[in-house]
Amino acid sequence: MNATTQTELHTLSNSHLDALEEETIFILREVAAAFERPTLLFSGGKDSLVMLKCAEKAFGAGRIPYPLLMIDTGHNFTEVTDFRDSRAKELGAELIVRSVEDSMKKGTVRLAHPGESRNVHQSVTLLEAIEEFRFDALIGGARRDEEKARAKERIFSHRDSFGQWQPKAQRPELWKLFNHKLQPGEHFRVFPISNWTELDVWQYIARERIALPSIYYTHKREVVDRRGLLVPVTELTQPKDGEEVVVRDVRFRTVGDITCTCPVESTASTPEQIVIETLAADVSERGATRMDDKTSEASMEKRKKDGYF
């Protein structure tokens, strides 16, 4: 880092992280106390790793009182899934993985064509996992600054017996008094880091020295520029006619299905350097990296109403 970067980091306060961490730990403990069969959604991404760190502080390594659940599209980056497995093993936590491919074999998921993104179909597999294990609360790492629909959601977000979210039927959350009431077949999605921002997450990663999958940091990758996004060149995302393949220094701000997740140009190799980049960013991480969120202004809200995370 140059002298300017070091000065900016020195003057950037992270004292607010203690309050955010305290709130997250309180919510994680509240879920353990209020529900019979909760689970923590764990993708191996930075937000779920921050949440897992808070869970470790809340309960202790090897004592997290609910299993970790991953809904795998089968098209995830291997760097992330390998890291997911090793981190769960390191903590001594139970890891449950359910795959969209299994739903495809059962016939509950049908793709319009072989190249269709499986990302949206995770909702079906998730609802099947909820029915299989009778989960009554699913803890997720969504944040309100990510996307407009997520900004509308409560920390304890009610889902009906069909797994659907009804934005107009949400109950108020005053003075940290959370709603736990469920009818048979219903469940809650709980978002302990709702009040965090992308900058908060990276400051916390830097402060706590949280290890992440390598693709969060700068690396060289073949990409094509497609409608302002850097699409990685992989077996699943091939260049189209007329597109020029170039090698760029990139990193991923968020990780997900390969078919809809793009990196951004960056030379940041440490959390501290990413903190500085995040301070200057004027587009949200999903807006800058997710092709599936660019289909319409309401694409995320529609998916959430259908059972998405």
Foldseek 3Di string as FASTA:
>chain_A
DDPVLVVVVVPDDLPCLVVLLVLLLVVLVVCVVQFDAEEEEAQQKLLSLVSVVSQCVNQNQLGNPHAYEYEAAVQFDPLRVVNRVVVCVVSNGHYHYWYVVVCVVVVVDDDPDPLDDCQLVSLVRVLVVCVVRVHAEYEYRDALVQAPLLVLADQWFKAALQLFGDSVPDDDQPPNPDDSDDDPNIHTYGHSNHVPALLSSLVVCQVVVRDGRQQQAWDKFKFWQDPNFTQGDDPSDHDDPPTDIDIATWHQSITDRSSFFGTDGDNGGGSSVVSVVVVPDPARRCRHTGNQCPPDSCSVVVSNRNNRD
